[in-house]
Amino acid sequence: MKNKLYFAALLCLLTSGMAYGQCAEDRHSTDMMHAWMSCDESMNPHMLLGESHWIQFEFDQVETIYDIYVWNLNHPDHAASGVKEMAISLSLDGATWDVVDTISIAQATTSGDYLPRFVVDLEGLSAKYLVFTALSTHGGSCAGLSEVKIYTEDVSGKPSFELDLTVCENAGLYTGLTANMEVSGDYSGAGVMDNGDGSFDFDPDVIGPGASTVTFSYLDDGVQTSLTESIEILECSDPRCPECIECGNFDQLIVDGNDIPTDKYFDDSLHSEGQVQATRDVDFRGRTEVELRPGFEVKADAEFLAQIRECHVQLLGNGSFEDDLSTWTFWNAQNVSVSYGIVTDEVFHFDKALRYEVITGSPEDTWRASVRNDLVLIEPNQSYRLSFAARGEGVPMMRVEVGQLDGTRQEYITNTALEIGESWTTHVLEFTADDITTSELLRIRFNFAGFEGVYYLDQVKLIRVD
């Protein structure tokens, strides 16, 4: 079957004030005379797509392509051959092609009042040739469409959908999110819960790190239309996020038992030979692997998920100051006057943070007022990442140093100056203990004497880096 089509009834090319044939009614019959169907694969004009079901459109001149609407194959006997996944290729000369998008198309309703589906906005890409390639169908052996509408001017009037969101995978449920849409519709996507009032809740823990797609669906002049936007989900190891769940947060006997309780289980290498009983909801999260050993079983009506997700062993105790000042040591020279304590109204994460005020400083000897932790063991040739959040009032920078606690005073990070501002900023420093042969105690020290003013410190984390 020859697949080239030059503005037959199938294609509606729209510029402002121009429409042809059936396009004016936005409804499609079930007549196969008003459709295209290919049952024999042939060489695609876009050679990289090989032998396939395809249809090519050639415009009279180079056009700018905007919205594309599609009516899928609508005949009751052939609806299964409607295209399910489709690649869109554009070319200026018919020789050099680019796949500019891959889209999904719902199966046709096989009714006489079938409305089109908005599938993509190409935002003004230029082309003289356009090819649709069927990558899959709804189960049929052929591939086809009923009608296509292509806008060559930006006249769709679609509302703007923007979500400028970056969230942490482990920060819990984000509630009441909105894109302030000008039309009524519904939000959907993995981890998305539409609230029915123009807002939605989002649980990033459902998806994990990476980009997550949120879809906003609404009716545009009777046409079901969808817009998409992405939310960036940060891994818990990102210094902007709360501490990762600790690896090995469970008793091995629990996950090897015959009734594993509903929960999320984290470990570096997680293994189980237990049973997930009916109505239980169990989530195994291994940092490197999840092994289901002989005897492991998931009963009917139970929910079970195994996935690779990050967990850490936070080496630094009380890094978020939730236990007030425990594990931390404070020192200042006699010529330096300071005041410090825990605050609950100026925090980065959770409920508490450290407030440290230098009343009389010592610009030339910044170490004369310090906060330190000396309770961490480090291992030979192991790499580590120190991260923390800080802000200041009237101070432009702070200093941090990391080194061995023993008499050698070997330093891995030497009194490094870090800029801070009035808003919380996160800092990350890495080092490797490549000069020791046995475990050694580490000293982490923040030096504040250089400037008079107020410093805030929170979410201090030290983790191993593989």
Protein backbone atom coordinates (compact mmCIF):
# COMPACT_ATOMS: atom_id res chain seq x y z
CA MET A 1 0.00 0.00 0.00
CA LYS A 2 1.35 3.42 -0.94
CA ASN A 3 1.52 5.55 2.16
CA LYS A 4 2.10 9.05 0.81
CA LEU A 5 -0.88 11.35 1.15
CA TYR A 6 -1.16 14.81 -0.35
CA PHE A 7 -3.99 16.64 1.45
CA ALA A 8 -6.72 14.09 0.94
CA ALA A 9 -9.76 14.19 3.25
CA LEU A 10 -7.74 12.61 6.03
CA LEU A 11 -5.58 15.66 6.68
CA CYS A 12 -6.84 19.02 7.87
CA LEU A 13 -4.21 21.75 7.64
CA LEU A 14 -5.30 24.79 9.61
CA THR A 15 -4.10 28.34 9.47
CA SER A 16 -6.10 31.24 10.83
CA GLY A 17 -9.54 31.25 9.22
CA MET A 18 -8.94 28.18 7.02
CA ALA A 19 -10.34 24.66 7.45
CA TYR A 20 -11.22 21.91 5.03
CA GLY A 21 -13.74 19.08 4.87
CA GLN A 22 -14.78 17.34 8.04
CA CYS A 23 -12.47 19.38 10.26
CA ALA A 24 -15.10 22.01 10.88
CA GLU A 25 -17.31 19.60 12.84
CA ASP A 26 -14.63 18.00 15.07
CA ARG A 27 -16.52 14.71 14.96
CA HIS A 28 -15.79 11.58 13.00
CA SER A 29 -17.95 8.89 11.48
CA THR A 30 -17.29 5.15 11.57
CA ASP A 31 -16.99 4.96 7.77
CA MET A 32 -13.77 3.29 6.54
CA MET A 33 -13.93 5.57 3.50
CA HIS A 34 -12.91 8.33 5.88
CA ALA A 35 -9.76 6.66 7.17
CA TRP A 36 -6.25 5.45 6.39
CA MET A 37 -5.13 1.91 7.17
CA SER A 38 -1.91 0.11 6.27
CA CYS A 39 -1.72 -3.69 6.47
CA ASP A 40 1.62 -4.18 4.70
CA GLU A 41 4.83 -2.74 6.09
CA SER A 42 7.11 -0.90 3.66
CA MET A 43 10.36 1.06 3.79
CA ASN A 44 9.87 4.25 5.77
CA PRO A 45 10.95 7.57 4.19
CA HIS A 46 12.77 8.08 7.49
CA MET A 47 15.17 5.24 6.70
CA LEU A 48 16.24 4.68 10.32
CA LEU A 49 12.69 3.46 11.08
CA GLY A 50 13.02 0.67 8.50
CA GLU A 51 10.07 -1.45 7.31
CA SER A 52 7.00 -0.15 9.12
CA HIS A 53 3.44 1.15 8.88
CA TRP A 54 3.72 4.84 8.10
CA ILE A 55 1.98 7.76 6.43
CA GLN A 56 3.71 10.80 4.92
CA PHE A 57 2.34 14.31 4.50
CA GLU A 58 3.94 16.74 2.05
CA PHE A 59 3.09 20.41 2.41
CA ASP A 60 3.12 22.89 -0.49
CA GLN A 61 5.84 24.84 1.28
CA VAL A 62 7.82 24.77 4.51
CA GLU A 63 5.34 25.19 7.36
CA THR A 64 5.67 25.86 11.09
CA ILE A 65 3.97 23.04 12.99
CA TYR A 66 2.09 23.63 16.23
CA ASP A 67 -0.81 21.60 17.66
CA ILE A 68 -1.62 18.18 16.21
CA TYR A 69 -4.99 16.52 16.85
CA VAL A 70 -5.76 12.94 15.89
CA TRP A 71 -8.90 10.84 15.45
CA ASN A 72 -7.90 7.19 15.80
CA LEU A 73 -9.24 4.43 13.55
CA ASN A 74 -12.97 4.50 14.38
CA HIS A 75 -14.55 1.57 12.49
CA PRO A 76 -15.99 -1.02 14.94
CA ASP A 77 -14.32 -3.90 13.08
CA HIS A 78 -10.91 -2.25 12.87
CA ALA A 79 -10.55 -0.12 16.04
CA ALA A 80 -7.93 -2.55 17.39
CA SER A 81 -5.71 -1.54 14.46
CA GLY A 82 -5.78 2.06 15.62
CA VAL A 83 -2.33 3.43 16.40
CA LYS A 84 -1.35 3.21 20.07
CA GLU A 85 2.22 4.58 19.98
CA MET A 86 3.40 6.79 17.13
CA ALA A 87 6.68 8.45 16.18
CA ILE A 88 6.55 11.88 14.51
CA SER A 89 9.35 12.63 12.04
CA LEU A 90 9.97 15.98 10.32
CA SER A 91 12.10 16.92 7.32
CA LEU A 92 12.80 20.06 5.34
CA ASP A 93 14.01 18.27 2.21
CA GLY A 94 12.63 14.70 2.38
CA ALA A 95 16.14 13.31 2.85
CA THR A 96 17.24 14.34 6.33
CA TRP A 97 14.78 13.40 9.08
CA ASP A 98 14.44 13.86 12.84
CA VAL A 99 12.09 12.08 15.22
CA VAL A 100 10.77 15.04 17.21
CA ASP A 101 8.36 13.20 19.50
CA THR A 102 6.80 9.85 20.34
CA ILE A 103 3.16 10.03 21.45
CA SER A 104 0.40 7.74 22.72
CA ILE A 105 -3.15 7.71 21.27
CA ALA A 106 -6.17 6.22 23.03
CA GLN A 107 -8.33 3.70 21.17
CA ALA A 108 -11.31 5.20 19.28
CA THR A 109 -14.81 4.98 20.75
CA THR A 110 -16.29 3.54 17.48
CA SER A 111 -19.22 5.97 17.81
CA GLY A 112 -20.53 8.45 15.27
CA ASP A 113 -19.73 11.45 17.49
CA TYR A 114 -16.09 10.52 18.15
CA LEU A 115 -14.07 13.61 19.09
CA PRO A 116 -10.36 14.17 18.38
CA ARG A 117 -7.51 13.90 20.86
CA PHE A 118 -4.83 16.55 21.24
CA VAL A 119 -1.54 14.64 21.00
CA VAL A 120 1.32 17.14 20.83
CA ASP A 121 2.35 20.78 20.38
CA LEU A 122 5.50 20.98 18.24
CA GLU A 123 5.88 24.66 19.16
CA GLY A 124 6.61 26.00 15.70
CA LEU A 125 9.07 23.42 14.34
CA SER A 126 9.57 23.83 10.60
CA ALA A 127 8.92 21.09 8.04
CA LYS A 128 7.89 20.47 4.44
CA TYR A 129 7.51 16.73 5.05
CA LEU A 130 5.95 14.98 8.04
CA VAL A 131 5.78 11.21 8.69
CA PHE A 132 3.70 9.37 11.26
CA THR A 133 5.11 5.90 12.06
CA ALA A 134 3.02 3.38 13.97
CA LEU A 135 5.21 1.83 16.68
CA SER A 136 2.32 -0.23 18.10
CA THR A 137 -1.44 -0.64 17.77
CA HIS A 138 -4.28 -1.54 20.13
CA GLY A 139 -3.91 -5.20 19.18
CA GLY A 140 -4.69 -5.23 15.46
CA SER A 141 -2.34 -6.48 12.75
CA CYS A 142 -2.81 -3.40 10.58
CA ALA A 143 -2.31 0.25 11.57
CA GLY A 144 -4.52 3.21 10.84
CA LEU A 145 -5.98 6.60 11.69
CA SER A 146 -9.27 8.29 10.81
CA GLU A 147 -8.26 11.92 10.64
CA VAL A 148 -5.46 14.35 11.51
CA LYS A 149 -5.67 18.07 12.20
CA ILE A 150 -2.42 20.07 12.05
CA TYR A 151 -2.14 23.73 13.05
CA THR A 152 0.48 25.80 11.26
CA GLU A 153 -0.14 28.85 13.44
CA ASP A 154 -0.20 29.07 17.21
CA VAL A 155 -3.96 29.57 17.54
CA SER A 156 -4.70 26.86 20.09
CA GLY A 157 -5.03 29.22 23.04
CA LYS A 158 -3.90 26.53 25.46
CA PRO A 159 -3.40 27.70 29.04
CA SER A 160 0.12 27.83 30.38
CA PHE A 161 1.08 24.88 32.60
CA GLU A 162 4.25 25.41 34.61
CA LEU A 163 5.44 23.69 37.78
CA ASP A 164 8.74 25.04 39.05
CA LEU A 165 9.15 22.36 41.71
CA THR A 166 12.18 20.57 43.10
CA VAL A 167 11.38 18.18 45.94
CA CYS A 168 13.14 15.59 48.09
CA GLU A 169 12.25 11.93 47.79
CA ASN A 170 12.12 11.54 51.56
CA ALA A 171 10.51 14.83 52.64
CA GLY A 172 7.01 13.36 52.93
CA LEU A 173 3.77 14.39 51.25
CA TYR A 174 3.68 17.79 49.52
CA THR A 175 0.14 19.16 49.82
CA GLY A 176 -1.92 21.84 48.14
CA LEU A 177 0.31 22.21 45.07
CA THR A 178 -1.12 24.18 42.17
CA ALA A 179 -0.13 25.62 38.80
CA ASN A 180 -2.89 28.29 39.02
CA MET A 181 -4.55 27.05 35.84
CA GLU A 182 -7.06 29.34 34.15
CA VAL A 183 -9.36 26.43 33.27
CA SER A 184 -10.89 23.59 35.27
CA GLY A 185 -9.30 20.17 34.97
CA ASP A 186 -7.66 17.29 36.75
CA TYR A 187 -4.08 16.56 37.77
CA SER A 188 -2.77 13.01 37.40
CA GLY A 189 0.46 11.02 37.41
CA ALA A 190 2.49 8.70 39.61
CA GLY A 191 2.33 9.93 43.20
CA VAL A 192 -0.24 12.61 42.24
CA MET A 193 -3.57 12.94 44.07
CA ASP A 194 -6.02 15.48 42.62
CA ASN A 195 -7.91 17.35 45.36
CA GLY A 196 -10.83 18.45 43.18
CA ASP A 197 -10.30 22.12 44.03
CA GLY A 198 -7.63 23.07 41.50
CA SER A 199 -4.79 21.71 43.62
CA PHE A 200 -3.05 18.37 44.07
CA ASP A 201 -0.91 16.50 46.57
CA PHE A 202 2.33 14.82 45.56
CA ASP A 203 4.20 11.94 47.21
CA PRO A 204 7.73 11.75 45.72
CA ASP A 205 8.52 8.60 47.69
CA VAL A 206 6.24 6.68 45.30
CA ILE A 207 8.55 7.42 42.35
CA GLY A 208 12.02 7.97 43.77
CA PRO A 209 14.78 10.22 42.39
CA GLY A 210 14.56 11.65 38.88
CA ALA A 211 12.00 13.56 36.84
CA SER A 212 8.32 12.80 37.42
CA THR A 213 5.61 13.83 34.94
CA VAL A 214 2.44 15.55 36.10
CA THR A 215 -0.45 15.70 33.60
CA PHE A 216 -3.19 18.35 33.60
CA SER A 217 -6.28 17.28 31.61
CA TYR A 218 -9.12 19.57 30.59
CA LEU A 219 -11.75 20.09 27.86
CA ASP A 220 -10.83 22.53 25.11
CA ASP A 221 -13.99 23.25 23.06
CA GLY A 222 -15.16 19.72 23.73
CA VAL A 223 -11.77 18.16 22.95
CA GLN A 224 -10.04 16.23 25.75
CA THR A 225 -6.65 17.95 26.03
CA SER A 226 -3.65 17.22 28.23
CA LEU A 227 -0.61 19.27 29.23
CA THR A 228 2.44 17.85 30.97
CA GLU A 229 5.11 19.28 33.24
CA SER A 230 7.96 17.73 35.24
CA ILE A 231 8.84 17.76 38.92
CA GLU A 232 12.48 17.15 39.83
CA ILE A 233 12.87 14.68 42.68
CA LEU A 234 16.18 14.83 44.55
CA GLU A 235 17.85 11.77 46.05
CA CYS A 236 17.93 11.77 49.84
CA SER A 237 21.73 12.04 49.70
CA ASP A 238 21.40 15.54 48.27
CA PRO A 239 22.44 18.00 51.01
CA ARG A 240 19.21 19.94 50.48
CA CYS A 241 17.20 16.93 51.65
CA PRO A 242 16.56 15.33 55.03
CA GLU A 243 18.82 12.49 56.08
CA CYS A 244 18.37 9.23 54.21
CA ILE A 245 16.76 6.35 56.02
CA GLU A 246 19.44 4.30 57.73
CA CYS A 247 20.38 1.02 56.08
CA GLY A 248 19.39 -2.03 58.10
CA ASN A 249 16.44 -0.37 59.86
CA PHE A 250 14.91 -3.75 60.78
CA ASP A 251 15.58 -7.09 62.43
CA GLN A 252 16.46 -9.80 59.87
CA LEU A 253 14.16 -12.22 61.70
CA ILE A 254 11.20 -9.99 60.76
CA VAL A 255 11.75 -10.22 56.99
CA ASP A 256 12.45 -13.95 57.25
CA GLY A 257 9.25 -14.58 59.21
CA ASN A 258 5.97 -16.06 57.96
CA ASP A 259 4.09 -12.75 58.36
CA ILE A 260 6.21 -9.75 57.34
CA PRO A 261 4.49 -6.64 58.77
CA THR A 262 3.41 -3.79 56.52
CA ASP A 263 6.38 -1.42 56.29
CA LYS A 264 9.29 -0.15 54.21
CA TYR A 265 12.53 -2.07 54.79
CA PHE A 266 15.91 -0.55 53.86
CA ASP A 267 19.31 -2.22 53.68
CA ASP A 268 22.51 -2.15 51.68
CA SER A 269 21.92 -5.70 50.44
CA LEU A 270 18.45 -6.83 51.44
CA HIS A 271 17.45 -10.50 51.41
CA SER A 272 14.38 -12.35 52.63
CA GLU A 273 12.89 -15.84 52.80
CA GLY A 274 9.69 -14.76 54.56
CA GLN A 275 6.04 -14.46 53.53
CA VAL A 276 3.85 -11.45 52.75
CA GLN A 277 0.37 -12.34 53.93
CA ALA A 278 -2.97 -11.08 52.55
CA THR A 279 -3.71 -7.38 53.20
CA ARG A 280 -0.05 -6.66 53.99
CA ASP A 281 1.78 -3.89 52.05
CA VAL A 282 5.53 -4.56 52.07
CA ASP A 283 8.21 -2.49 50.32
CA PHE A 284 11.79 -3.85 50.12
CA ARG A 285 14.42 -1.23 49.26
CA GLY A 286 17.98 -2.38 48.75
CA ARG A 287 20.78 0.08 48.10
CA THR A 288 22.69 -2.43 45.95
CA GLU A 289 20.38 -5.46 45.65
CA VAL A 290 17.21 -7.19 46.81
CA GLU A 291 17.41 -11.00 46.94
CA LEU A 292 14.23 -13.10 47.36
CA ARG A 293 15.48 -16.45 48.61
CA PRO A 294 13.79 -19.87 48.47
CA GLY A 295 10.72 -19.85 50.68
CA PHE A 296 9.82 -16.20 49.98
CA GLU A 297 6.14 -15.90 49.04
CA VAL A 298 3.56 -13.19 48.39
CA LYS A 299 0.02 -14.30 49.18
CA ALA A 300 -3.11 -13.31 47.23
CA ASP A 301 -4.49 -9.84 48.06
CA ALA A 302 -1.08 -8.73 49.39
CA GLU A 303 0.96 -5.86 47.99
CA PHE A 304 4.71 -6.21 47.56
CA LEU A 305 7.35 -4.03 45.90
CA ALA A 306 11.11 -4.52 45.59
CA GLN A 307 13.29 -1.70 44.32
CA ILE A 308 16.79 -0.26 44.37
CA ARG A 309 16.72 2.87 46.55
CA GLU A 310 19.30 4.80 48.50
CA CYS A 311 19.90 4.35 52.21
CA HIS A 312 22.79 5.60 54.29
CA VAL A 313 24.51 5.13 57.55
CA GLN A 314 24.73 8.66 58.94
CA LEU A 315 28.06 8.55 60.75
CA LEU A 316 27.56 11.79 62.62
CA GLY A 317 25.29 11.62 65.64
CA ASN A 318 22.75 14.42 66.17
CA GLY A 319 23.68 16.21 62.95
CA SER A 320 20.28 17.91 62.89
CA PHE A 321 20.46 19.07 66.53
CA GLU A 322 17.20 17.29 67.32
CA ASP A 323 18.86 16.07 70.54
CA ASP A 324 19.84 19.65 71.36
CA LEU A 325 23.63 20.04 71.83
CA SER A 326 24.57 16.41 72.56
CA THR A 327 27.64 15.03 70.69
CA TRP A 328 28.84 18.61 69.99
CA THR A 329 31.67 20.41 71.78
CA PHE A 330 31.88 24.22 72.03
CA TRP A 331 35.04 26.24 72.63
CA ASN A 332 36.10 29.85 72.47
CA ALA A 333 39.21 31.79 73.50
CA GLN A 334 39.09 34.31 76.32
CA ASN A 335 39.34 37.26 73.94
CA VAL A 336 36.28 36.05 71.98
CA SER A 337 32.76 36.47 73.34
CA VAL A 338 30.03 34.12 72.04
CA SER A 339 26.50 32.92 72.73
CA TYR A 340 24.91 29.75 71.38
CA GLY A 341 21.85 27.54 71.75
CA ILE A 342 19.09 25.62 69.97
CA VAL A 343 16.34 27.43 68.03
CA THR A 344 13.06 26.11 66.63
CA ASP A 345 11.98 29.03 64.43
CA GLU A 346 15.03 29.19 62.12
CA VAL A 347 15.47 25.59 60.91
CA PHE A 348 16.46 23.99 57.63
CA HIS A 349 14.80 20.62 58.21
CA PHE A 350 12.90 19.00 61.04
CA ASP A 351 12.37 20.95 64.27
CA LYS A 352 15.67 22.36 65.55
CA ALA A 353 18.88 24.09 64.46
CA LEU A 354 21.99 25.60 66.09
CA ARG A 355 22.22 29.37 66.54
CA TYR A 356 25.77 30.65 67.25
CA GLU A 357 26.43 34.36 67.82
CA VAL A 358 29.90 35.92 67.85
CA ILE A 359 29.66 39.07 69.96
CA THR A 360 33.39 39.89 69.95
CA GLY A 361 35.38 38.19 67.20
CA SER A 362 38.98 37.54 66.19
CA PRO A 363 39.32 38.07 62.42
CA GLU A 364 42.95 36.90 62.27
CA ASP A 365 42.36 33.71 64.28
CA THR A 366 39.06 32.27 63.08
CA TRP A 367 39.55 29.07 65.09
CA ARG A 368 39.18 30.92 68.41
CA ALA A 369 35.41 30.25 68.37
CA SER A 370 34.39 26.80 67.21
CA VAL A 371 31.83 23.99 67.27
CA ARG A 372 33.15 20.50 66.76
CA ASN A 373 32.28 16.81 66.75
CA ASP A 374 35.00 14.28 67.65
CA LEU A 375 32.98 11.07 67.81
CA VAL A 376 33.28 9.61 64.29
CA LEU A 377 35.49 6.69 63.27
CA ILE A 378 36.82 6.66 59.72
CA GLU A 379 38.29 3.71 57.82
CA PRO A 380 41.48 3.45 55.72
CA ASN A 381 41.17 4.41 52.05
CA GLN A 382 37.46 5.16 52.41
CA SER A 383 35.96 8.28 50.81
CA TYR A 384 33.51 10.46 52.72
CA ARG A 385 31.10 13.29 52.00
CA LEU A 386 30.43 16.03 54.54
CA SER A 387 27.39 18.20 53.89
CA PHE A 388 25.53 20.80 55.93
CA ALA A 389 23.16 23.76 55.69
CA ALA A 390 24.09 27.22 56.96
CA ARG A 391 22.93 30.83 56.94
CA GLY A 392 24.02 34.02 58.65
CA GLU A 393 22.99 37.43 59.84
CA GLY A 394 25.66 40.06 59.32
CA VAL A 395 28.34 37.49 58.41
CA PRO A 396 29.56 36.78 54.86
CA MET A 397 31.28 33.44 55.43
CA MET A 398 32.21 30.65 57.81
CA ARG A 399 35.06 28.16 57.90
CA VAL A 400 35.21 24.38 58.25
CA GLU A 401 38.09 21.99 58.83
CA VAL A 402 38.21 18.19 58.95
CA GLY A 403 41.12 16.13 60.19
CA GLN A 404 42.34 13.31 62.40
CA LEU A 405 41.85 13.62 66.12
CA ASP A 406 45.14 11.88 66.99
CA GLY A 407 48.44 13.64 67.59
CA THR A 408 49.37 13.79 63.89
CA ARG A 409 46.74 16.48 63.29
CA GLN A 410 46.47 15.30 59.69
CA GLU A 411 43.93 17.57 57.98
CA TYR A 412 41.73 16.52 55.04
CA ILE A 413 39.94 19.86 54.76
CA THR A 414 41.98 22.83 55.95
CA ASN A 415 40.02 25.75 57.46
CA THR A 416 38.12 26.21 54.19
CA ALA A 417 36.14 29.45 53.81
CA LEU A 418 32.55 29.06 52.58
CA GLU A 419 30.26 31.93 51.63
CA ILE A 420 26.91 32.12 53.39
CA GLY A 421 24.00 34.52 53.10
CA GLU A 422 20.77 35.37 54.88
CA SER A 423 18.99 32.42 53.24
CA TRP A 424 19.83 28.78 53.90
CA THR A 425 22.48 27.37 51.56
CA THR A 426 23.86 23.84 51.42
CA HIS A 427 27.53 22.92 51.16
CA VAL A 428 29.26 19.67 50.21
CA LEU A 429 32.89 18.70 50.86
CA GLU A 430 34.51 15.35 50.09
CA PHE A 431 37.74 13.72 51.24
CA THR A 432 39.49 10.33 51.31
CA ALA A 433 41.28 8.81 54.31
CA ASP A 434 44.16 7.46 52.24
CA ASP A 435 46.89 8.07 54.82
CA ILE A 436 45.76 5.72 57.62
CA THR A 437 46.06 1.95 58.03
CA THR A 438 43.62 1.48 60.91
CA SER A 439 40.37 3.12 62.01
CA GLU A 440 40.89 6.62 63.40
CA LEU A 441 38.72 9.20 65.11
CA LEU A 442 37.81 12.21 63.00
CA ARG A 443 37.36 15.82 64.10
CA ILE A 444 34.88 18.03 62.26
CA ARG A 445 35.10 21.67 63.31
CA PHE A 446 33.21 24.80 62.27
CA ASN A 447 35.12 28.03 62.99
CA PHE A 448 33.14 31.23 63.54
CA ALA A 449 35.48 33.82 65.10
CA GLY A 450 36.28 35.60 61.83
CA PHE A 451 33.16 37.79 61.79
CA GLU A 452 30.87 39.21 64.41
CA GLY A 453 27.26 38.27 63.84
CA VAL A 454 24.90 35.30 63.97
CA TYR A 455 25.50 31.91 62.36
CA TYR A 456 22.89 29.13 61.91
CA LEU A 457 23.89 25.50 61.31
CA ASP A 458 21.68 22.50 60.55
CA GLN A 459 21.56 19.11 58.82
CA VAL A 460 25.24 18.21 59.24
CA LYS A 461 25.76 14.84 57.54
CA LEU A 462 28.79 12.59 57.08
CA ILE A 463 28.37 9.51 54.89
CA ARG A 464 30.60 7.04 53.10
CA VAL A 465 30.94 7.48 49.36
CA ASP A 466 31.32 4.31 47.26
